[in-house]
């Protein structure tokens, strides 16, 4: 399927309301928020992976109040060195 076919399908699904910054069905998806969420998920991964299996807390930027993510310790003895990132 070529790019033009994909765009035509999106346009059909969205009643011709396709723009470069937003798209969706029965509403819209703000792609800036999608990107922000993806960036946050990547950032959390790199903060958590080195501490795999350990108990620790990550303080997040306050939005409407203080926020933290608490991780509980778990057994990692069954993981390979590659899976542990060693």
N, C-alpha and C. Protein backbone atom coordinates (compact mmCIF):
# COMPACT_ATOMS: atom_id res chain seq x y z
N UNK A 1 0.85 -1.18 0.00
CA UNK A 1 0.00 0.00 0.00
C UNK A 1 0.89 1.23 0.00
N UNK A 2 0.70 2.12 -0.92
CA UNK A 2 1.50 3.34 -1.01
C UNK A 2 1.06 4.39 0.00
N UNK A 3 1.88 5.41 0.15
CA UNK A 3 1.58 6.50 1.08
C UNK A 3 0.26 7.17 0.75
N UNK A 4 -0.01 7.40 -0.54
CA UNK A 4 -1.26 8.07 -0.92
C UNK A 4 -2.47 7.27 -0.52
N UNK A 5 -2.41 5.96 -0.63
CA UNK A 5 -3.52 5.11 -0.22
C UNK A 5 -3.76 5.23 1.28
N UNK A 6 -2.70 5.26 2.04
CA UNK A 6 -2.81 5.39 3.49
C UNK A 6 -3.48 6.71 3.86
N UNK A 7 -3.04 7.80 3.24
CA UNK A 7 -3.62 9.12 3.52
C UNK A 7 -5.09 9.15 3.12
N UNK A 8 -5.42 8.57 1.98
CA UNK A 8 -6.83 8.52 1.55
C UNK A 8 -7.67 7.74 2.54
N UNK A 9 -7.13 6.63 3.06
CA UNK A 9 -7.87 5.84 4.05
C UNK A 9 -8.09 6.64 5.32
N UNK A 10 -7.04 7.35 5.80
CA UNK A 10 -7.20 8.19 6.99
C UNK A 10 -8.23 9.28 6.76
N UNK A 11 -8.18 9.91 5.60
CA UNK A 11 -9.14 10.95 5.28
C UNK A 11 -10.56 10.41 5.27
N UNK A 12 -10.75 9.22 4.73
CA UNK A 12 -12.06 8.60 4.70
C UNK A 12 -12.56 8.31 6.11
N UNK A 13 -11.69 7.79 6.96
CA UNK A 13 -12.07 7.48 8.33
C UNK A 13 -12.40 8.73 9.13
N UNK A 14 -11.79 9.85 8.77
CA UNK A 14 -11.94 11.07 9.57
C UNK A 14 -12.77 12.13 8.87
N UNK A 15 -13.60 11.72 7.95
CA UNK A 15 -14.51 12.65 7.27
C UNK A 15 -13.78 13.83 6.64
N UNK A 16 -12.55 13.60 6.14
CA UNK A 16 -11.81 14.65 5.46
C UNK A 16 -11.17 15.67 6.37
N UNK A 17 -11.11 15.41 7.68
CA UNK A 17 -10.55 16.37 8.63
C UNK A 17 -9.10 16.07 8.98
N UNK A 18 -8.34 15.54 8.05
CA UNK A 18 -6.94 15.19 8.30
C UNK A 18 -6.07 16.43 8.20
N UNK A 19 -5.29 16.70 9.24
CA UNK A 19 -4.32 17.79 9.21
C UNK A 19 -2.97 17.20 9.57
N UNK A 20 -1.93 17.99 9.50
CA UNK A 20 -0.59 17.48 9.80
C UNK A 20 -0.34 17.38 11.30
N UNK A 21 -1.11 18.08 12.13
CA UNK A 21 -0.83 18.06 13.57
C UNK A 21 -1.83 17.26 14.39
N UNK A 22 -3.02 17.06 13.90
CA UNK A 22 -4.03 16.30 14.66
C UNK A 22 -4.75 15.35 13.74
N UNK A 23 -5.18 14.23 14.30
CA UNK A 23 -6.00 13.29 13.55
C UNK A 23 -6.74 12.40 14.53
N UNK A 24 -7.79 11.79 14.09
CA UNK A 24 -8.53 10.90 14.97
C UNK A 24 -9.90 10.57 14.41
N UNK A 25 -10.61 9.73 15.12
CA UNK A 25 -11.96 9.35 14.77
C UNK A 25 -12.86 9.74 15.94
N UNK A 26 -13.94 10.45 15.65
CA UNK A 26 -14.85 10.89 16.71
C UNK A 26 -14.11 11.68 17.77
N UNK A 27 -13.28 12.57 17.36
CA UNK A 27 -12.45 13.36 18.26
C UNK A 27 -11.12 13.59 17.58
N UNK A 28 -10.10 13.84 18.37
CA UNK A 28 -8.79 14.03 17.76
C UNK A 28 -7.72 13.57 18.74
N UNK A 29 -6.55 13.33 18.19
CA UNK A 29 -5.37 13.01 18.99
C UNK A 29 -4.36 14.11 18.73
N UNK A 30 -3.97 14.79 19.78
CA UNK A 30 -2.98 15.85 19.67
C UNK A 30 -1.60 15.18 19.65
N UNK A 31 -0.96 15.19 18.51
CA UNK A 31 0.31 14.47 18.35
C UNK A 31 1.41 15.02 19.23
N UNK A 32 1.32 16.28 19.65
CA UNK A 32 2.31 16.83 20.57
C UNK A 32 2.23 16.12 21.92
N UNK A 33 1.02 15.81 22.37
CA UNK A 33 0.86 15.08 23.63
C UNK A 33 1.31 13.63 23.49
N UNK A 34 1.09 13.04 22.34
CA UNK A 34 1.56 11.67 22.10
C UNK A 34 3.08 11.65 22.19
N UNK A 35 3.73 12.61 21.56
CA UNK A 35 5.19 12.69 21.59
C UNK A 35 5.70 12.93 23.00
N UNK A 36 5.04 13.80 23.74
CA UNK A 36 5.43 14.11 25.12
C UNK A 36 5.34 12.86 25.99
N UNK A 37 4.27 12.09 25.81
CA UNK A 37 4.09 10.86 26.57
C UNK A 37 5.16 9.84 26.21
N UNK A 38 5.49 9.73 24.93
CA UNK A 38 6.54 8.81 24.50
C UNK A 38 7.89 9.22 25.08
N UNK A 39 8.18 10.51 25.09
CA UNK A 39 9.43 11.00 25.67
C UNK A 39 9.50 10.70 27.16
N UNK A 40 8.38 10.90 27.86
CA UNK A 40 8.34 10.61 29.30
C UNK A 40 8.54 9.12 29.57
N UNK A 41 7.93 8.26 28.75
CA UNK A 41 8.10 6.82 28.93
C UNK A 41 9.55 6.41 28.71
N UNK A 42 10.19 6.99 27.71
CA UNK A 42 11.60 6.69 27.44
C UNK A 42 12.47 7.15 28.61
N UNK A 43 12.20 8.34 29.11
CA UNK A 43 12.95 8.86 30.25
C UNK A 43 12.81 7.99 31.48
N UNK A 44 11.59 7.52 31.74
CA UNK A 44 11.36 6.63 32.88
C UNK A 44 12.09 5.30 32.71
N UNK A 45 12.10 4.79 31.49
CA UNK A 45 12.81 3.54 31.23
C UNK A 45 14.27 3.66 31.62
N UNK A 46 14.93 4.74 31.19
CA UNK A 46 16.36 4.91 31.46
C UNK A 46 16.65 5.19 32.93
N UNK A 47 15.66 5.67 33.68
CA UNK A 47 15.83 5.86 35.12
C UNK A 47 15.60 4.57 35.89
N UNK A 48 14.72 3.71 35.38
CA UNK A 48 14.37 2.48 36.11
C UNK A 48 15.26 1.29 35.75
N UNK A 49 15.66 1.18 34.51
CA UNK A 49 16.40 -0.01 34.06
C UNK A 49 17.67 -0.28 34.87
N UNK A 50 18.50 0.72 35.19
CA UNK A 50 19.71 0.44 35.97
C UNK A 50 19.42 -0.06 37.39
N UNK A 51 18.21 0.18 37.88
CA UNK A 51 17.84 -0.22 39.24
C UNK A 51 16.91 -1.42 39.25
N UNK A 52 16.91 -2.18 38.17
CA UNK A 52 16.01 -3.32 38.01
C UNK A 52 16.06 -4.24 39.21
N UNK A 53 14.92 -4.49 39.82
CA UNK A 53 14.82 -5.39 40.96
C UNK A 53 14.99 -4.72 42.31
N UNK A 54 15.40 -3.47 42.33
CA UNK A 54 15.63 -2.76 43.59
C UNK A 54 14.39 -1.94 43.96
N UNK A 55 14.25 -1.69 45.27
CA UNK A 55 13.20 -0.77 45.73
C UNK A 55 13.74 0.65 45.64
N UNK A 56 12.98 1.53 45.02
CA UNK A 56 13.39 2.93 44.91
C UNK A 56 12.19 3.79 44.54
N UNK A 57 12.38 5.09 44.62
CA UNK A 57 11.33 6.05 44.30
C UNK A 57 11.86 7.08 43.32
N UNK A 58 11.02 7.45 42.38
CA UNK A 58 11.34 8.52 41.43
C UNK A 58 10.36 9.66 41.68
N UNK A 59 10.90 10.83 41.97
CA UNK A 59 10.06 12.02 42.12
C UNK A 59 9.85 12.63 40.74
N UNK A 60 8.61 12.90 40.39
CA UNK A 60 8.27 13.49 39.10
C UNK A 60 8.08 14.99 39.25
N UNK A 61 8.13 15.69 38.13
CA UNK A 61 7.88 17.13 38.14
C UNK A 61 6.45 17.36 38.66
N UNK A 62 6.28 18.31 39.58
CA UNK A 62 4.91 18.56 40.08
C UNK A 62 4.07 19.25 39.01
N UNK A 63 2.88 18.73 38.77
CA UNK A 63 1.95 19.40 37.86
C UNK A 63 0.84 20.02 38.70
N UNK A 64 -0.03 19.19 39.21
CA UNK A 64 -1.10 19.68 40.08
C UNK A 64 -0.79 19.35 41.53
N UNK A 65 0.39 18.88 41.78
CA UNK A 65 0.82 18.50 43.12
C UNK A 65 2.05 17.63 43.01
N UNK A 66 2.58 17.24 44.16
CA UNK A 66 3.76 16.38 44.16
C UNK A 66 3.37 14.99 43.67
N UNK A 67 4.27 14.39 42.88
CA UNK A 67 4.02 13.06 42.32
C UNK A 67 5.27 12.21 42.45
N UNK A 68 5.08 10.94 42.80
CA UNK A 68 6.19 10.00 42.92
C UNK A 68 5.76 8.65 42.36
N UNK A 69 6.74 7.91 41.87
CA UNK A 69 6.52 6.52 41.48
C UNK A 69 7.36 5.67 42.42
N UNK A 70 6.73 4.71 43.08
CA UNK A 70 7.42 3.84 44.02
C UNK A 70 7.57 2.44 43.40
N UNK A 71 8.79 1.93 43.42
CA UNK A 71 9.07 0.60 42.89
C UNK A 71 9.41 -0.33 44.04
N UNK A 72 8.86 -1.53 44.00
CA UNK A 72 9.16 -2.54 45.01
C UNK A 72 10.26 -3.45 44.49
N UNK A 73 11.04 -3.98 45.41
CA UNK A 73 12.10 -4.92 45.03
C UNK A 73 11.47 -6.22 44.52
N UNK A 74 12.16 -6.87 43.60
CA UNK A 74 11.74 -8.19 43.12
C UNK A 74 12.97 -8.98 42.71
N UNK A 75 12.79 -10.28 42.64
CA UNK A 75 13.89 -11.20 42.35
C UNK A 75 14.29 -11.13 40.88
N UNK A 76 15.57 -10.90 40.63
CA UNK A 76 16.08 -10.86 39.25
C UNK A 76 17.07 -11.98 38.97
N UNK A 77 17.15 -12.96 39.87
CA UNK A 77 18.15 -14.02 39.70
C UNK A 77 17.89 -14.88 38.46
N UNK A 78 16.67 -14.93 37.98
CA UNK A 78 16.35 -15.74 36.79
C UNK A 78 16.69 -15.01 35.49
N UNK A 79 17.06 -13.72 35.56
CA UNK A 79 17.38 -12.95 34.35
C UNK A 79 18.84 -13.16 33.96
N UNK A 80 19.11 -13.10 32.68
CA UNK A 80 20.50 -13.18 32.19
C UNK A 80 21.17 -11.84 32.41
N UNK A 81 22.49 -11.83 32.28
CA UNK A 81 23.24 -10.59 32.43
C UNK A 81 22.77 -9.55 31.37
N UNK A 82 22.51 -10.02 30.16
CA UNK A 82 22.04 -9.11 29.11
C UNK A 82 20.69 -8.50 29.47
N UNK A 83 19.80 -9.32 30.04
CA UNK A 83 18.49 -8.81 30.43
C UNK A 83 18.61 -7.81 31.59
N UNK A 84 19.61 -7.98 32.42
CA UNK A 84 19.83 -7.05 33.53
C UNK A 84 20.58 -5.81 33.10
N UNK A 85 21.10 -5.79 31.88
CA UNK A 85 21.83 -4.66 31.37
C UNK A 85 23.26 -4.58 31.90
N UNK A 86 23.79 -5.73 32.31
CA UNK A 86 25.14 -5.77 32.86
C UNK A 86 26.14 -5.93 31.75
